[in-house]
């Protein structure tokens, strides 16, 4: 019981710190996955925190040092596939990556994942249509995990407005170069 209280206290204190560490920049999007089963892959620049009851998480940190060091807790086995890729397997695993570019793939059950940034998420709840879990992207409505692979965009591109001369002159009276209208 003490261990559970300690874990909940540590998690409760770390969530606000993590939230402050990730800045919500213009154009950033969000992904929230709640009690899902299947596969969730997030390729983005930003931050991600998550946990799952049982399964594996593969973390690819393509640019070492561009963000915080990945933190993973509770795994039973670890498999380092190279300098940028590590797989963690087990039950009750928690992970976080704050800042920088990353690719995280979680295959498991009881997934709770939150990501902020710009990039792409691929959700696949194939074979779990009875209780697939749910997700929300970019502050939209809650939806059940897709029964198949579905690609979602996190955030939006920075909007740039350019005006062409013809658009700029719409609605204005056309005055000839001499300054007098005939």
N, C-alpha and C. Protein backbone atom coordinates (compact mmCIF):
# COMPACT_ATOMS: atom_id res chain seq x y z
N UNK A 1 0.83 -1.19 0.00
CA UNK A 1 0.00 0.00 0.00
C UNK A 1 0.87 1.25 0.00
N UNK A 2 1.96 1.24 0.79
CA UNK A 2 2.86 2.39 0.82
C UNK A 2 3.49 2.62 -0.53
N UNK A 3 3.83 1.53 -1.20
CA UNK A 3 4.46 1.65 -2.52
C UNK A 3 3.51 2.31 -3.52
N UNK A 4 2.23 1.92 -3.48
CA UNK A 4 1.23 2.51 -4.36
C UNK A 4 1.07 3.99 -4.08
N UNK A 5 1.01 4.36 -2.81
CA UNK A 5 0.88 5.77 -2.44
C UNK A 5 2.10 6.55 -2.91
N UNK A 6 3.29 5.98 -2.74
CA UNK A 6 4.51 6.64 -3.18
C UNK A 6 4.53 6.83 -4.69
N UNK A 7 4.14 5.80 -5.43
CA UNK A 7 4.10 5.90 -6.90
C UNK A 7 3.11 6.99 -7.33
N UNK A 8 1.93 6.99 -6.73
CA UNK A 8 0.93 8.01 -7.08
C UNK A 8 1.42 9.41 -6.72
N UNK A 9 2.12 9.56 -5.60
CA UNK A 9 2.65 10.85 -5.21
C UNK A 9 3.70 11.33 -6.20
N UNK A 10 4.61 10.44 -6.59
CA UNK A 10 5.65 10.80 -7.55
C UNK A 10 5.02 11.18 -8.89
N UNK A 11 4.05 10.39 -9.36
CA UNK A 11 3.39 10.72 -10.62
C UNK A 11 2.65 12.04 -10.52
N UNK A 12 1.98 12.28 -9.40
CA UNK A 12 1.24 13.53 -9.22
C UNK A 12 2.15 14.74 -9.22
N UNK A 13 3.35 14.59 -8.68
CA UNK A 13 4.29 15.70 -8.66
C UNK A 13 5.00 15.88 -9.99
N UNK A 14 5.18 14.80 -10.75
CA UNK A 14 5.92 14.90 -12.00
C UNK A 14 5.08 15.42 -13.15
N UNK A 15 3.77 15.18 -13.15
CA UNK A 15 2.93 15.63 -14.27
C UNK A 15 2.96 17.13 -14.44
N UNK A 16 2.79 17.95 -13.36
CA UNK A 16 2.89 19.40 -13.56
C UNK A 16 4.27 19.83 -14.05
N UNK A 17 5.33 19.19 -13.56
CA UNK A 17 6.66 19.54 -14.03
C UNK A 17 6.84 19.22 -15.50
N UNK A 18 6.32 18.08 -15.94
CA UNK A 18 6.39 17.71 -17.35
C UNK A 18 5.58 18.69 -18.18
N UNK A 19 4.40 19.05 -17.70
CA UNK A 19 3.55 19.98 -18.44
C UNK A 19 4.24 21.32 -18.61
N UNK A 20 4.97 21.78 -17.60
CA UNK A 20 5.69 23.04 -17.72
C UNK A 20 6.88 22.91 -18.65
N UNK A 21 7.44 21.71 -18.76
CA UNK A 21 8.61 21.51 -19.61
C UNK A 21 8.29 21.48 -21.08
N UNK A 22 7.06 21.25 -21.45
CA UNK A 22 6.66 21.20 -22.85
C UNK A 22 5.89 22.46 -23.17
N UNK A 23 6.42 23.26 -24.07
CA UNK A 23 5.73 24.49 -24.46
C UNK A 23 4.77 24.17 -25.59
N UNK A 24 3.60 24.74 -25.49
CA UNK A 24 2.60 24.58 -26.53
C UNK A 24 2.82 25.71 -27.53
N UNK A 25 3.55 25.42 -28.58
CA UNK A 25 3.87 26.43 -29.58
C UNK A 25 2.75 26.55 -30.60
N UNK A 26 2.64 27.71 -31.26
CA UNK A 26 1.63 27.84 -32.30
C UNK A 26 1.80 26.73 -33.34
N UNK A 27 0.73 26.07 -33.65
CA UNK A 27 0.78 24.98 -34.62
C UNK A 27 0.94 23.62 -33.99
N UNK A 28 1.26 23.55 -32.68
CA UNK A 28 1.37 22.26 -32.02
C UNK A 28 0.00 21.60 -31.91
N UNK A 29 0.00 20.30 -31.96
CA UNK A 29 -1.23 19.53 -31.81
C UNK A 29 -1.11 18.61 -30.62
N UNK A 30 -2.19 17.90 -30.34
CA UNK A 30 -2.20 16.99 -29.21
C UNK A 30 -2.80 15.65 -29.61
N UNK A 31 -2.39 14.63 -28.89
CA UNK A 31 -2.99 13.30 -29.01
C UNK A 31 -3.16 12.77 -27.60
N UNK A 32 -4.36 12.29 -27.31
CA UNK A 32 -4.63 11.64 -26.03
C UNK A 32 -5.22 10.27 -26.34
N UNK A 33 -4.62 9.23 -25.79
CA UNK A 33 -5.11 7.86 -25.95
C UNK A 33 -5.49 7.37 -24.56
N UNK A 34 -6.69 6.82 -24.44
CA UNK A 34 -7.23 6.43 -23.13
C UNK A 34 -7.62 4.96 -23.11
N UNK A 35 -6.94 4.18 -22.26
CA UNK A 35 -7.24 2.78 -22.02
C UNK A 35 -7.40 1.97 -23.32
N UNK A 36 -6.45 2.15 -24.22
CA UNK A 36 -6.54 1.52 -25.53
C UNK A 36 -5.76 0.22 -25.61
N UNK A 37 -6.12 -0.59 -26.60
CA UNK A 37 -5.41 -1.81 -26.92
C UNK A 37 -5.06 -1.76 -28.40
N UNK A 38 -3.91 -2.30 -28.75
CA UNK A 38 -3.48 -2.30 -30.14
C UNK A 38 -2.09 -1.70 -30.27
N UNK A 39 -1.92 -0.85 -31.30
CA UNK A 39 -0.64 -0.21 -31.57
C UNK A 39 -0.84 1.28 -31.76
N UNK A 40 0.02 2.06 -31.12
CA UNK A 40 0.03 3.50 -31.27
C UNK A 40 1.46 3.90 -31.61
N UNK A 41 1.63 4.59 -32.74
CA UNK A 41 2.94 5.10 -33.13
C UNK A 41 2.83 6.61 -33.26
N UNK A 42 3.76 7.32 -32.64
CA UNK A 42 3.80 8.78 -32.74
C UNK A 42 5.18 9.16 -33.25
N UNK A 43 5.20 9.87 -34.39
CA UNK A 43 6.44 10.45 -34.95
C UNK A 43 6.24 11.95 -34.89
N UNK A 44 6.98 12.62 -34.01
CA UNK A 44 6.73 14.04 -33.82
C UNK A 44 7.95 14.73 -33.25
N UNK A 45 7.82 16.04 -33.16
CA UNK A 45 8.77 16.89 -32.45
C UNK A 45 7.97 17.54 -31.34
N UNK A 46 8.33 17.27 -30.09
CA UNK A 46 7.59 17.79 -28.95
C UNK A 46 7.82 16.92 -27.74
N UNK A 47 6.74 16.52 -27.09
CA UNK A 47 6.85 15.70 -25.89
C UNK A 47 5.78 14.63 -25.86
N UNK A 48 6.08 13.54 -25.15
CA UNK A 48 5.13 12.45 -25.02
C UNK A 48 5.33 11.79 -23.66
N UNK A 49 4.23 11.49 -22.99
CA UNK A 49 4.27 10.71 -21.76
C UNK A 49 3.23 9.61 -21.90
N UNK A 50 3.49 8.49 -21.24
CA UNK A 50 2.52 7.40 -21.35
C UNK A 50 2.78 6.28 -20.38
N UNK A 51 1.83 5.38 -20.37
CA UNK A 51 1.92 4.17 -19.57
C UNK A 51 1.07 3.11 -20.24
N UNK A 52 1.35 1.85 -19.91
CA UNK A 52 0.49 0.77 -20.39
C UNK A 52 0.59 -0.39 -19.43
N UNK A 53 -0.46 -1.22 -19.43
CA UNK A 53 -0.53 -2.35 -18.51
C UNK A 53 0.42 -3.47 -18.90
N UNK A 54 0.43 -3.81 -20.19
CA UNK A 54 1.25 -4.92 -20.65
C UNK A 54 1.60 -4.69 -22.11
N UNK A 55 2.86 -4.98 -22.50
CA UNK A 55 3.26 -4.86 -23.89
C UNK A 55 4.70 -4.43 -24.04
N UNK A 56 4.91 -3.65 -25.09
CA UNK A 56 6.27 -3.19 -25.40
C UNK A 56 6.22 -1.77 -25.94
N UNK A 57 7.28 -1.02 -25.69
CA UNK A 57 7.43 0.31 -26.25
C UNK A 57 8.79 0.37 -26.94
N UNK A 58 8.77 0.81 -28.19
CA UNK A 58 9.99 1.01 -28.96
C UNK A 58 10.21 2.50 -29.09
N UNK A 59 11.36 2.96 -28.64
CA UNK A 59 11.68 4.39 -28.68
C UNK A 59 12.84 4.61 -29.62
N UNK A 60 12.60 5.48 -30.60
CA UNK A 60 13.64 5.89 -31.53
C UNK A 60 13.90 7.37 -31.29
N UNK A 61 15.11 7.70 -30.89
CA UNK A 61 15.53 9.09 -30.67
C UNK A 61 16.54 9.41 -31.77
N UNK A 62 16.05 9.91 -32.93
CA UNK A 62 16.91 10.04 -34.10
C UNK A 62 18.02 11.07 -33.97
N UNK A 63 17.83 12.08 -33.12
CA UNK A 63 18.83 13.13 -32.96
C UNK A 63 19.18 13.19 -31.47
N UNK A 64 20.19 12.45 -31.07
CA UNK A 64 20.57 12.41 -29.67
C UNK A 64 20.94 13.81 -29.19
N UNK A 65 20.40 14.19 -28.05
CA UNK A 65 20.74 15.48 -27.46
C UNK A 65 19.86 16.64 -27.87
N UNK A 66 18.87 16.44 -28.76
CA UNK A 66 18.01 17.56 -29.16
C UNK A 66 16.86 17.77 -28.19
N UNK A 67 16.70 16.89 -27.24
CA UNK A 67 15.66 17.00 -26.21
C UNK A 67 16.13 16.27 -24.98
N UNK A 68 15.21 16.03 -24.07
CA UNK A 68 15.57 15.30 -22.86
C UNK A 68 15.86 13.84 -23.17
N UNK A 69 16.54 13.19 -22.25
CA UNK A 69 16.84 11.77 -22.38
C UNK A 69 15.56 10.98 -22.12
N UNK A 70 15.25 9.98 -22.96
CA UNK A 70 14.05 9.18 -22.70
C UNK A 70 14.11 8.54 -21.31
N UNK A 71 12.99 8.57 -20.61
CA UNK A 71 12.90 7.94 -19.29
C UNK A 71 11.85 6.84 -19.37
N UNK A 72 12.22 5.62 -18.97
CA UNK A 72 11.32 4.47 -19.00
C UNK A 72 11.45 3.74 -17.67
N UNK A 73 10.29 3.42 -17.07
CA UNK A 73 10.27 2.77 -15.76
C UNK A 73 9.36 1.55 -15.80
N UNK A 74 9.73 0.51 -15.03
CA UNK A 74 8.87 -0.65 -14.84
C UNK A 74 9.05 -1.77 -15.84
N UNK A 75 10.01 -1.68 -16.73
CA UNK A 75 10.17 -2.73 -17.75
C UNK A 75 10.82 -3.97 -17.15
N UNK A 76 10.53 -5.13 -17.77
CA UNK A 76 11.13 -6.40 -17.36
C UNK A 76 12.36 -6.72 -18.19
N UNK A 77 12.29 -6.36 -19.49
CA UNK A 77 13.41 -6.62 -20.41
C UNK A 77 13.68 -5.39 -21.24
N UNK A 78 14.93 -5.24 -21.64
CA UNK A 78 15.32 -4.13 -22.51
C UNK A 78 16.17 -4.72 -23.64
N UNK A 79 15.96 -4.20 -24.84
CA UNK A 79 16.71 -4.66 -26.00
C UNK A 79 17.19 -3.42 -26.75
N UNK A 80 18.48 -3.17 -26.73
CA UNK A 80 19.06 -2.03 -27.43
C UNK A 80 19.35 -2.47 -28.86
N UNK A 81 18.64 -1.86 -29.83
CA UNK A 81 18.79 -2.24 -31.23
C UNK A 81 19.84 -1.40 -31.96
N UNK A 82 20.31 -0.35 -31.34
CA UNK A 82 21.31 0.53 -31.94
C UNK A 82 21.41 1.79 -31.11
N UNK A 83 22.23 2.75 -31.55
CA UNK A 83 22.44 3.95 -30.75
C UNK A 83 21.19 4.83 -30.62
N UNK A 84 20.23 4.64 -31.49
CA UNK A 84 19.04 5.48 -31.48
C UNK A 84 17.75 4.73 -31.13
N UNK A 85 17.79 3.39 -31.05
CA UNK A 85 16.56 2.60 -30.90
C UNK A 85 16.66 1.61 -29.74
N UNK A 86 15.64 1.67 -28.85
CA UNK A 86 15.59 0.77 -27.71
C UNK A 86 14.17 0.25 -27.54
N UNK A 87 14.03 -1.06 -27.22
CA UNK A 87 12.74 -1.68 -26.98
C UNK A 87 12.66 -2.08 -25.51
N UNK A 88 11.55 -1.71 -24.87
CA UNK A 88 11.30 -2.04 -23.47
C UNK A 88 10.06 -2.93 -23.42
N UNK A 89 10.13 -4.06 -22.69
CA UNK A 89 9.03 -5.02 -22.63
C UNK A 89 8.68 -5.27 -21.16
N UNK A 90 7.36 -5.40 -20.91
CA UNK A 90 6.97 -5.74 -19.55
C UNK A 90 5.55 -5.34 -19.22
N UNK A 91 5.30 -5.26 -17.91
CA UNK A 91 3.99 -4.88 -17.39
C UNK A 91 4.12 -3.59 -16.59
N UNK A 92 3.09 -2.78 -16.65
CA UNK A 92 3.04 -1.51 -15.92
C UNK A 92 4.25 -0.63 -16.24
N UNK A 93 4.48 -0.40 -17.52
CA UNK A 93 5.60 0.43 -17.97
C UNK A 93 5.13 1.87 -18.11
N UNK A 94 5.98 2.81 -17.67
CA UNK A 94 5.75 4.24 -17.81
C UNK A 94 6.92 4.83 -18.57
N UNK A 95 6.65 5.82 -19.43
CA UNK A 95 7.73 6.41 -20.22
C UNK A 95 7.45 7.89 -20.47
N UNK A 96 8.53 8.63 -20.80
CA UNK A 96 8.38 10.03 -21.20
C UNK A 96 9.59 10.46 -22.02
N UNK A 97 9.32 11.31 -22.99
CA UNK A 97 10.34 11.98 -23.79
C UNK A 97 9.88 13.42 -23.90
N UNK A 98 10.71 14.34 -23.50
CA UNK A 98 10.33 15.74 -23.50
C UNK A 98 11.30 16.51 -24.39
N UNK A 99 10.76 17.14 -25.42
CA UNK A 99 11.55 17.96 -26.33
C UNK A 99 12.22 17.13 -27.40
N UNK A 100 12.45 17.76 -28.53
CA UNK A 100 13.16 17.11 -29.61
C UNK A 100 12.28 16.22 -30.47
N UNK A 101 12.91 15.57 -31.44
CA UNK A 101 12.22 14.67 -32.36
C UNK A 101 12.26 13.25 -31.77
N UNK A 102 11.21 12.50 -32.03
CA UNK A 102 11.15 11.13 -31.53
C UNK A 102 10.17 10.32 -32.37
N UNK A 103 10.30 9.00 -32.25
CA UNK A 103 9.31 8.06 -32.76
C UNK A 103 9.10 7.02 -31.67
N UNK A 104 7.86 6.92 -31.19
CA UNK A 104 7.52 5.98 -30.14
C UNK A 104 6.42 5.07 -30.66
N UNK A 105 6.61 3.76 -30.52
CA UNK A 105 5.59 2.78 -30.89
C UNK A 105 5.27 1.95 -29.66
N UNK A 106 4.00 1.97 -29.27
CA UNK A 106 3.55 1.17 -28.14
C UNK A 106 2.63 0.09 -28.69
N UNK A 107 2.92 -1.16 -28.36
CA UNK A 107 2.07 -2.30 -28.71
C UNK A 107 1.66 -2.92 -27.39
N UNK A 108 0.37 -2.81 -27.07
CA UNK A 108 -0.02 -3.35 -25.79
C UNK A 108 -1.46 -3.13 -25.44
N UNK A 109 -1.75 -3.27 -24.13
CA UNK A 109 -3.10 -3.07 -23.63
C UNK A 109 -3.05 -2.11 -22.45
N UNK A 110 -4.18 -1.46 -22.21
CA UNK A 110 -4.26 -0.49 -21.13
C UNK A 110 -3.39 0.73 -21.36
N UNK A 111 -3.30 1.16 -22.63
CA UNK A 111 -2.43 2.29 -22.98
C UNK A 111 -3.09 3.62 -22.65
N UNK A 112 -2.35 4.47 -21.95
CA UNK A 112 -2.73 5.86 -21.71
C UNK A 112 -1.55 6.70 -22.17
N UNK A 113 -1.76 7.48 -23.22
CA UNK A 113 -0.66 8.22 -23.85
C UNK A 113 -1.11 9.66 -24.10
N UNK A 114 -0.22 10.61 -23.84
CA UNK A 114 -0.47 12.02 -24.15
C UNK A 114 0.75 12.55 -24.89
N UNK A 115 0.51 13.18 -26.05
CA UNK A 115 1.60 13.75 -26.84
C UNK A 115 1.24 15.17 -27.24
N UNK A 116 2.26 16.03 -27.26
CA UNK A 116 2.11 17.42 -27.70
C UNK A 116 3.22 17.70 -28.69
N UNK A 117 2.88 18.30 -29.82
CA UNK A 117 3.90 18.65 -30.80
C UNK A 117 3.35 18.63 -32.20
N UNK A 118 4.27 18.55 -33.14
CA UNK A 118 3.91 18.49 -34.55
C UNK A 118 4.43 17.19 -35.13
N UNK A 119 3.55 16.50 -35.85
CA UNK A 119 3.96 15.25 -36.45
C UNK A 119 2.79 14.40 -36.86
N UNK A 120 2.97 13.09 -36.77
CA UNK A 120 1.98 12.13 -37.24
C UNK A 120 1.79 11.05 -36.18
N UNK A 121 0.55 10.62 -36.02
CA UNK A 121 0.25 9.48 -35.15
C UNK A 121 -0.46 8.43 -36.00
N UNK A 122 -0.08 7.18 -35.78
CA UNK A 122 -0.72 6.06 -36.47
C UNK A 122 -1.35 5.18 -35.39
N UNK A 123 -2.67 5.03 -35.44
CA UNK A 123 -3.40 4.25 -34.46
C UNK A 123 -3.96 3.00 -35.13
N UNK A 124 -3.88 1.88 -34.44
CA UNK A 124 -4.38 0.62 -34.99
C UNK A 124 -4.90 -0.24 -33.85
N UNK A 125 -6.23 -0.36 -33.76
CA UNK A 125 -6.85 -1.20 -32.75
C UNK A 125 -7.35 -2.50 -33.32
N UNK A 126 -6.76 -2.97 -34.40
CA UNK A 126 -7.20 -4.20 -35.07
C UNK A 126 -7.34 -5.35 -34.09
N UNK A 127 -8.48 -6.03 -34.17
CA UNK A 127 -8.71 -7.21 -33.36
C UNK A 127 -9.23 -6.92 -31.97
N UNK A 128 -9.43 -5.65 -31.64
CA UNK A 128 -9.91 -5.30 -30.31
C UNK A 128 -11.19 -4.49 -30.38
N UNK A 129 -12.09 -4.83 -31.28
CA UNK A 129 -13.30 -4.04 -31.46
C UNK A 129 -14.26 -4.12 -30.27
N UNK A 130 -14.11 -5.16 -29.41
CA UNK A 130 -15.01 -5.27 -28.26
C UNK A 130 -14.72 -4.19 -27.21
N UNK A 131 -13.48 -3.88 -26.93
CA UNK A 131 -13.08 -2.82 -26.01
C UNK A 131 -11.80 -2.18 -26.52
N UNK A 132 -11.89 -1.34 -27.54
CA UNK A 132 -10.68 -0.84 -28.17
C UNK A 132 -10.01 0.32 -27.43
N UNK A 133 -10.72 0.99 -26.53
CA UNK A 133 -10.20 2.22 -25.95
C UNK A 133 -10.64 3.40 -26.81
N UNK A 134 -10.12 4.57 -26.49
CA UNK A 134 -10.53 5.75 -27.24
C UNK A 134 -9.36 6.72 -27.39
N UNK A 135 -9.55 7.69 -28.30
CA UNK A 135 -8.51 8.69 -28.53
C UNK A 135 -9.15 10.03 -28.86
N UNK A 136 -8.33 11.05 -28.74
CA UNK A 136 -8.73 12.41 -29.07
C UNK A 136 -7.52 13.06 -29.73
N UNK A 137 -7.73 13.75 -30.84
CA UNK A 137 -6.61 14.40 -31.53
C UNK A 137 -6.90 15.88 -31.72
N UNK A 138 -5.91 16.70 -31.44
CA UNK A 138 -5.97 18.16 -31.60
C UNK A 138 -7.19 18.77 -30.91
N UNK A 139 -7.54 18.25 -29.75
CA UNK A 139 -8.65 18.80 -28.98
C UNK A 139 -10.03 18.46 -29.52
N UNK A 140 -10.11 17.53 -30.45
CA UNK A 140 -11.39 17.13 -31.04
C UNK A 140 -12.20 16.25 -30.10
N UNK A 141 -13.21 15.63 -30.66
CA UNK A 141 -14.08 14.76 -29.86
C UNK A 141 -13.43 13.40 -29.65
N UNK A 142 -13.85 12.72 -28.59
CA UNK A 142 -13.36 11.37 -28.32
C UNK A 142 -13.91 10.42 -29.37
N UNK A 143 -13.05 9.50 -29.82
CA UNK A 143 -13.43 8.50 -30.81
C UNK A 143 -12.88 7.15 -30.38
N UNK A 144 -13.55 6.05 -30.77
CA UNK A 144 -12.99 4.74 -30.45
C UNK A 144 -11.73 4.49 -31.29
N UNK A 145 -10.83 3.70 -30.74
CA UNK A 145 -9.64 3.32 -31.51
C UNK A 145 -10.09 2.70 -32.82
N UNK A 146 -9.44 3.05 -33.92
CA UNK A 146 -9.84 2.50 -35.21
C UNK A 146 -9.56 1.01 -35.31
N UNK A 147 -10.44 0.29 -36.00
CA UNK A 147 -10.25 -1.13 -36.23
C UNK A 147 -9.50 -1.30 -37.55
N UNK A 148 -8.26 -0.90 -37.53
CA UNK A 148 -7.40 -0.88 -38.69
C UNK A 148 -6.45 0.29 -38.52
N UNK A 149 -5.52 0.44 -39.41
CA UNK A 149 -4.52 1.50 -39.31
C UNK A 149 -5.11 2.83 -39.76
N UNK A 150 -4.92 3.86 -38.95
CA UNK A 150 -5.42 5.20 -39.26
C UNK A 150 -4.32 6.21 -38.95
N UNK A 151 -4.00 7.06 -39.91
CA UNK A 151 -2.94 8.06 -39.75
C UNK A 151 -3.57 9.42 -39.47
N UNK A 152 -3.07 10.09 -38.42
CA UNK A 152 -3.60 11.38 -38.00
C UNK A 152 -2.47 12.41 -37.96
N UNK A 153 -2.78 13.65 -38.24
CA UNK A 153 -1.80 14.72 -38.18
C UNK A 153 -1.93 15.45 -36.85
N UNK A 154 -0.82 15.61 -36.16
CA UNK A 154 -0.80 16.37 -34.92
C UNK A 154 -0.42 17.80 -35.25
N UNK A 155 -1.27 18.72 -34.87
CA UNK A 155 -0.98 20.13 -35.11
C UNK A 155 -1.35 20.54 -36.51
N UNK A 156 -0.94 21.73 -36.80
CA UNK A 156 -1.20 22.28 -38.13
C UNK A 156 0.04 23.04 -38.56
N UNK A 157 0.19 23.16 -39.84
CA UNK A 157 1.32 23.91 -40.36
C UNK A 157 1.14 25.37 -40.00
N UNK A 158 2.24 26.06 -39.76
CA UNK A 158 2.16 27.49 -39.48
C UNK A 158 1.53 28.17 -40.67
N UNK A 159 0.51 28.96 -40.42
CA UNK A 159 -0.20 29.57 -41.54
C UNK A 159 0.54 30.80 -42.02
N UNK A 160 0.75 30.84 -43.30
CA UNK A 160 1.35 32.02 -43.91
C UNK A 160 0.37 32.54 -44.92
N UNK A 161 0.10 33.81 -44.82
CA UNK A 161 -0.85 34.41 -45.73
C UNK A 161 -0.10 35.24 -46.74
N UNK A 162 -0.29 34.92 -47.98
CA UNK A 162 0.30 35.74 -49.03
C UNK A 162 -0.83 36.30 -49.87
N UNK A 163 -0.66 37.52 -50.27
CA UNK A 163 -1.69 38.18 -51.06
C UNK A 163 -1.12 38.49 -52.43
N UNK A 164 -1.83 38.05 -53.44
CA UNK A 164 -1.41 38.35 -54.80
C UNK A 164 -1.93 39.73 -55.17
N UNK A 165 -1.32 40.40 -56.15
CA UNK A 165 -1.79 41.73 -56.54
C UNK A 165 -3.28 41.75 -56.90
N UNK A 166 -3.78 40.72 -57.58
CA UNK A 166 -5.19 40.74 -57.97
C UNK A 166 -6.11 40.64 -56.75
N UNK A 167 -5.71 39.87 -55.71
CA UNK A 167 -6.51 39.78 -54.50
C UNK A 167 -6.46 41.09 -53.71
N UNK A 168 -5.30 41.74 -53.71
CA UNK A 168 -5.12 42.97 -52.98
C UNK A 168 -5.98 44.08 -53.57
N UNK A 169 -6.18 44.06 -54.87
CA UNK A 169 -6.89 45.13 -55.54
C UNK A 169 -8.38 44.89 -55.67
N UNK A 170 -8.87 43.71 -55.25
CA UNK A 170 -10.31 43.43 -55.34
C UNK A 170 -11.08 44.45 -54.52
N UNK A 171 -12.13 44.96 -55.06
CA UNK A 171 -12.99 45.90 -54.35
C UNK A 171 -12.49 47.34 -54.41
N UNK A 172 -11.31 47.57 -54.89
CA UNK A 172 -10.80 48.94 -55.00
C UNK A 172 -11.14 49.46 -56.39
N UNK A 173 -11.37 50.72 -56.46
CA UNK A 173 -11.60 51.29 -57.79
C UNK A 173 -10.28 51.35 -58.52
N UNK A 174 -10.33 51.07 -59.78
CA UNK A 174 -9.13 51.09 -60.58
C UNK A 174 -8.91 52.50 -61.13
N UNK A 175 -7.78 53.09 -60.74
CA UNK A 175 -7.45 54.43 -61.21
C UNK A 175 -6.32 54.30 -62.22
N UNK A 176 -6.48 54.87 -63.40
CA UNK A 176 -5.40 54.76 -64.39
C UNK A 176 -4.16 55.51 -63.91
N UNK A 177 -3.03 55.19 -64.51
CA UNK A 177 -1.76 55.75 -64.06
C UNK A 177 -1.74 57.27 -63.99
N UNK A 178 -2.54 58.00 -64.70
CA UNK A 178 -2.54 59.47 -64.64
C UNK A 178 -3.21 59.99 -63.39
N UNK A 179 -3.87 59.18 -62.62
CA UNK A 179 -4.50 59.62 -61.39
C UNK A 179 -5.93 60.04 -61.56
N UNK A 180 -6.47 60.11 -62.78
CA UNK A 180 -7.84 60.54 -63.00
C UNK A 180 -8.64 59.40 -63.58
N UNK A 181 -9.82 59.26 -63.09
CA UNK A 181 -10.69 58.22 -63.59
C UNK A 181 -11.67 58.88 -64.55
N UNK A 182 -11.87 58.31 -65.69
CA UNK A 182 -12.63 58.94 -66.75
C UNK A 182 -14.00 58.64 -66.79
